[in-house]
C-alpha atoms as a PDB file:
ATOM      1  CA  MET A   1    -129.975  41.674-220.959  1.00  0.00           C
ATOM      2  CA  ALA A   2    -129.490  41.108-217.307  1.00  0.00           C
ATOM      3  CA  ALA A   3    -126.551  42.734-215.676  1.00  0.00           C
ATOM      4  CA  GLN A   4    -124.011  40.242-214.515  1.00  0.00           C
ATOM      5  CA  ARG A   5    -122.537  41.031-211.132  1.00  0.00           C
ATOM      6  CA  GLU A   6    -118.840  40.500-210.748  1.00  0.00           C
ATOM      7  CA  ALA A   7    -117.444  38.780-207.690  1.00  0.00           C
ATOM      8  CA  LEU A   8    -115.334  40.755-205.266  1.00  0.00           C
ATOM      9  CA  PRO A   9    -111.588  40.417-205.660  1.00  0.00           C
ATOM     10  CA  GLU A  10    -110.290  37.445-203.646  1.00  0.00           C
ATOM     11  CA  GLY A  11    -108.648  38.440-200.338  1.00  0.00           C
ATOM     12  CA  ARG A  12    -109.223  42.180-200.746  1.00  0.00           C
ATOM     13  CA  TYR A  13    -111.824  42.633-198.029  1.00  0.00           C
ATOM     14  CA  GLY A  14    -110.688  39.978-195.506  1.00  0.00           C
ATOM     15  CA  ARG A  15    -112.385  36.676-194.835  1.00  0.00           C
ATOM     16  CA  SER A  16    -115.972  36.280-195.772  1.00  0.00           C
ATOM     17  CA  ALA A  17    -118.591  35.448-193.139  1.00  0.00           C
ATOM     18  CA  ASP A  18    -118.912  31.952-194.622  1.00  0.00           C
ATOM     19  CA  ALA A  19    -115.216  31.219-194.121  1.00  0.00           C
ATOM     20  CA  ARG A  20    -115.362  32.368-190.477  1.00  0.00           C
ATOM     21  CA  ALA A  21    -118.448  30.223-189.865  1.00  0.00           C
ATOM     22  CA  ASP A  22    -116.783  27.202-191.512  1.00  0.00           C
ATOM     23  CA  ARG A  23    -113.741  27.609-189.261  1.00  0.00           C
ATOM     24  CA  LYS A  24    -115.900  27.816-186.123  1.00  0.00           C
ATOM     25  CA  LEU A  25    -117.837  24.725-187.156  1.00  0.00           C
ATOM     26  CA  LYS A  26    -114.609  22.804-187.719  1.00  0.00           C
ATOM     27  CA  ILE A  27    -113.341  23.770-184.248  1.00  0.00           C
ATOM     28  CA  VAL A  28    -116.630  22.869-182.537  1.00  0.00           C
ATOM     29  CA  GLY A  29    -116.823  19.581-184.462  1.00  0.00           C
ATOM     30  CA  GLY A  30    -113.252  18.691-183.512  1.00  0.00           C
ATOM     31  CA  VAL A  31    -113.870  19.399-179.814  1.00  0.00           C
ATOM     32  CA  LEU A  32    -117.119  17.413-179.783  1.00  0.00           C
ATOM     33  CA  GLY A  33    -115.439  14.550-181.626  1.00  0.00           C
ATOM     34  CA  ALA A  34    -112.621  14.472-179.064  1.00  0.00           C
ATOM     35  CA  VAL A  35    -115.108  14.486-176.177  1.00  0.00           C
ATOM     36  CA  LEU A  36    -117.047  11.627-177.780  1.00  0.00           C
ATOM     37  CA  LEU A  37    -113.862   9.635-178.287  1.00  0.00           C
ATOM     38  CA  VAL A  38    -112.848  10.097-174.635  1.00  0.00           C
ATOM     39  CA  PHE A  39    -116.318   9.038-173.465  1.00  0.00           C
ATOM     40  CA  VAL A  40    -116.352   5.905-175.619  1.00  0.00           C
ATOM     41  CA  GLY A  41    -112.898   4.968-174.311  1.00  0.00           C
ATOM     42  CA  TRP A  42    -113.953   5.499-170.696  1.00  0.00           C
ATOM     43  CA  ALA A  43    -117.156   3.486-171.166  1.00  0.00           C
ATOM     44  CA  GLY A  44    -115.223   0.620-172.760  1.00  0.00           C
ATOM     45  CA  VAL A  45    -112.664   0.461-169.961  1.00  0.00           C
ATOM     46  CA  HIS A  46    -115.404   0.661-167.323  1.00  0.00           C
ATOM     47  CA  TYR A  47    -117.381  -2.132-169.004  1.00  0.00           C
ATOM     48  CA  LEU A  48    -114.364  -4.434-169.273  1.00  0.00           C
ATOM     49  CA  THR A  49    -113.006  -3.865-165.765  1.00  0.00           C
ATOM     50  CA  LYS A  50    -116.143  -3.688-163.649  1.00  0.00           C
ATOM     51  CA  SER A  51    -116.574  -6.391-161.084  1.00  0.00           C
ATOM     52  CA  GLU A  52    -120.072  -7.768-160.926  1.00  0.00           C
ATOM     53  CA  VAL A  53    -121.856 -10.926-159.860  1.00  0.00           C
ATOM     54  CA  SER A  54    -124.568 -12.208-162.184  1.00  0.00           C
ATOM     55  CA  GLY A  55    -126.739 -15.269-162.002  1.00  0.00           C
ATOM     56  CA  GLU A  56    -129.367 -17.197-163.887  1.00  0.00           C
ATOM     57  CA  LEU A  57    -131.948 -19.635-162.592  1.00  0.00           C
ATOM     58  CA  ILE A  58    -131.481 -22.743-164.749  1.00  0.00           C
ATOM     59  CA  ARG A  59    -134.330 -24.791-163.338  1.00  0.00           C
ATOM     60  CA  SER A  60    -136.382 -25.288-160.212  1.00  0.00           C
ATOM     61  CA  LYS A  61    -138.441 -28.180-158.927  1.00  0.00           C
ATOM     62  CA  THR A  62    -141.016 -28.307-156.166  1.00  0.00           C
ATOM     63  CA  VAL A  63    -139.897 -31.292-154.114  1.00  0.00           C
ATOM     64  CA  SER A  64    -142.651 -31.247-151.474  1.00  0.00           C
ATOM     65  CA  ASP A  65    -145.141 -28.924-149.794  1.00  0.00           C
ATOM     66  CA  SER A  66    -142.280 -27.498-147.750  1.00  0.00           C
ATOM     67  CA  SER A  67    -139.272 -27.357-150.092  1.00  0.00           C
ATOM     68  CA  VAL A  68    -138.067 -26.391-153.551  1.00  0.00           C
ATOM     69  CA  GLN A  69    -134.774 -27.209-155.235  1.00  0.00           C
ATOM     70  CA  ALA A  70    -133.248 -24.718-157.649  1.00  0.00           C
ATOM     71  CA  VAL A  71    -130.148 -24.796-159.842  1.00  0.00           C
ATOM     72  CA  LEU A  72    -128.432 -21.434-160.051  1.00  0.00           C
ATOM     73  CA  GLU A  73    -125.728 -20.574-162.595  1.00  0.00           C
ATOM     74  CA  VAL A  74    -123.333 -17.853-161.379  1.00  0.00           C
ATOM     75  CA  ARG A  75    -120.742 -15.719-163.195  1.00  0.00           C
ATOM     76  CA  LYS A  76    -118.382 -13.444-161.301  1.00  0.00           C
ATOM     77  CA  GLY A  77    -114.812 -12.340-160.898  1.00  0.00           C
ATOM     78  CA  LYS A  78    -112.469 -14.890-159.334  1.00  0.00           C
ATOM     79  CA  ASP A  79    -112.109 -13.042-156.022  1.00  0.00           C
ATOM     80  CA  ASP A  80    -115.582 -11.465-155.935  1.00  0.00           C
ATOM     81  CA  LYS A  81    -118.170 -12.382-153.356  1.00  0.00           C
ATOM     82  CA  GLY A  82    -121.877 -11.862-153.845  1.00  0.00           C
ATOM     83  CA  VAL A  83    -125.435 -12.604-152.864  1.00  0.00           C
ATOM     84  CA  CYS A  84    -128.243 -13.923-155.083  1.00  0.00           C
ATOM     85  CA  THR A  85    -131.851 -13.678-153.927  1.00  0.00           C
ATOM     86  CA  LEU A  86    -134.334 -16.434-154.793  1.00  0.00           C
ATOM     87  CA  ARG A  87    -138.025 -16.473-153.973  1.00  0.00           C
ATOM     88  CA  SER A  88    -140.866 -18.924-154.437  1.00  0.00           C
ATOM     89  CA  LEU A  89    -144.507 -18.071-154.971  1.00  0.00           C
ATOM     90  CA  ALA A  90    -147.602 -20.101-154.169  1.00  0.00           C
ATOM     91  CA  TYR A  91    -150.506 -20.758-156.532  1.00  0.00           C
ATOM     92  CA  ASP A  92    -152.344 -17.692-155.183  1.00  0.00           C
ATOM     93  CA  GLY A  93    -149.312 -15.475-155.857  1.00  0.00           C
ATOM     94  CA  SER A  94    -148.214 -15.059-152.265  1.00  0.00           C
ATOM     95  CA  GLU A  95    -144.557 -15.439-151.379  1.00  0.00           C
ATOM     96  CA  VAL A  96    -143.853 -18.728-149.592  1.00  0.00           C
ATOM     97  CA  SER A  97    -140.049 -18.577-149.508  1.00  0.00           C
ATOM     98  CA  ARG A  98    -137.189 -16.128-149.860  1.00  0.00           C
ATOM     99  CA  LEU A  99    -133.516 -16.998-149.613  1.00  0.00           C
ATOM    100  CA  ASP A 100    -130.306 -14.987-149.979  1.00  0.00           C
ATOM    101  CA  VAL A 101    -127.636 -17.352-151.310  1.00  0.00           C
ATOM    102  CA  ARG A 102    -124.087 -16.311-150.454  1.00  0.00           C
ATOM    103  CA  ILE A 103    -121.685 -16.648-153.369  1.00  0.00           C
ATOM    104  CA  ASP A 104    -118.127 -16.986-152.089  1.00  0.00           C
ATOM    105  CA  ARG A 105    -116.585 -19.750-154.197  1.00  0.00           C
ATOM    106  CA  ALA A 106    -113.306 -19.009-155.990  1.00  0.00           C
ATOM    107  CA  GLU A 107    -114.519 -20.106-159.442  1.00  0.00           C
ATOM    108  CA  LYS A 108    -115.569 -17.562-162.062  1.00  0.00           C
ATOM    109  CA  HIS A 109    -118.425 -19.645-163.489  1.00  0.00           C
ATOM    110  CA  PHE A 110    -120.257 -22.436-161.683  1.00  0.00           C
ATOM    111  CA  THR A 111    -123.658 -23.917-160.886  1.00  0.00           C
ATOM    112  CA  GLU A 112    -125.073 -24.241-157.400  1.00  0.00           C
ATOM    113  CA  LEU A 113    -127.899 -26.479-156.170  1.00  0.00           C
ATOM    114  CA  VAL A 114    -129.991 -24.616-153.595  1.00  0.00           C
ATOM    115  CA  THR A 115    -132.831 -25.910-151.422  1.00  0.00           C
ATOM    116  CA  LEU A 116    -135.464 -23.424-150.279  1.00  0.00           C
ATOM    117  CA  ARG A 117    -137.786 -24.191-147.360  1.00  0.00           C
ATOM    118  CA  THR A 118    -141.325 -23.044-148.092  1.00  0.00           C
ATOM    119  CA  THR A 119    -144.338 -22.271-145.902  1.00  0.00           C
ATOM    120  CA  ALA A 120    -146.735 -23.790-148.480  1.00  0.00           C
ATOM    121  CA  ARG A 121    -146.517 -25.623-151.790  1.00  0.00           C
ATOM    122  CA  ALA A 122    -144.674 -23.452-154.322  1.00  0.00           C
ATOM    123  CA  ARG A 123    -145.937 -22.931-157.861  1.00  0.00           C
ATOM    124  CA  PHE A 124    -142.686 -21.488-159.192  1.00  0.00           C
ATOM    125  CA  THR A 125    -139.368 -20.035-158.107  1.00  0.00           C
ATOM    126  CA  GLN A 126    -137.645 -16.993-159.523  1.00  0.00           C
ATOM    127  CA  LEU A 127    -134.286 -15.271-159.244  1.00  0.00           C
ATOM    128  CA  GLU A 128    -134.776 -11.699-158.075  1.00  0.00           C
ATOM    129  CA  GLY A 129    -131.169 -10.766-158.782  1.00  0.00           C
ATOM    130  CA  CYS A 130    -127.546 -10.979-157.776  1.00  0.00           C
ATOM    131  CA  ARG A 131    -125.297  -8.286-156.373  1.00  0.00           C
ATOM    132  CA  THR A 132    -121.765  -7.876-155.147  1.00  0.00           C
ATOM    133  CA  ALA A 133    -121.487  -8.415-151.388  1.00  0.00           C
ATOM    134  CA  ARG A 134    -120.129  -5.599-149.235  1.00  0.00           C
ATOM    135  CA  GLY A 135    -117.104  -6.374-147.112  1.00  0.00           C
END
């Protein structure tokens, strides 16, 4: 028969190493959980309150060898001002027009018709991006 080993009396020799390790893990987990919760809260507030100008090129049409018309949809804060950059490219890929459109209307969401003057016939027009204007 195999000898059966008896467990040590409970509480006689202090805490076991497993109990100390469990306690440390609980403390570390609680601290990391609190840090994660604070970060998620900060990120949510920052996302909801940030002021940013964004735009989308709805359509563009080459009107002639020297001009393009583009319809730009803009979203922004009511009092924000911004700049959206449009550019047109020729059939060979060279840039034939670039225009910074100032966005200073009071509306939060609107469309704007923009005419770009080109140096040659444009193949297509693209929105490079929008940004909040300084000052």
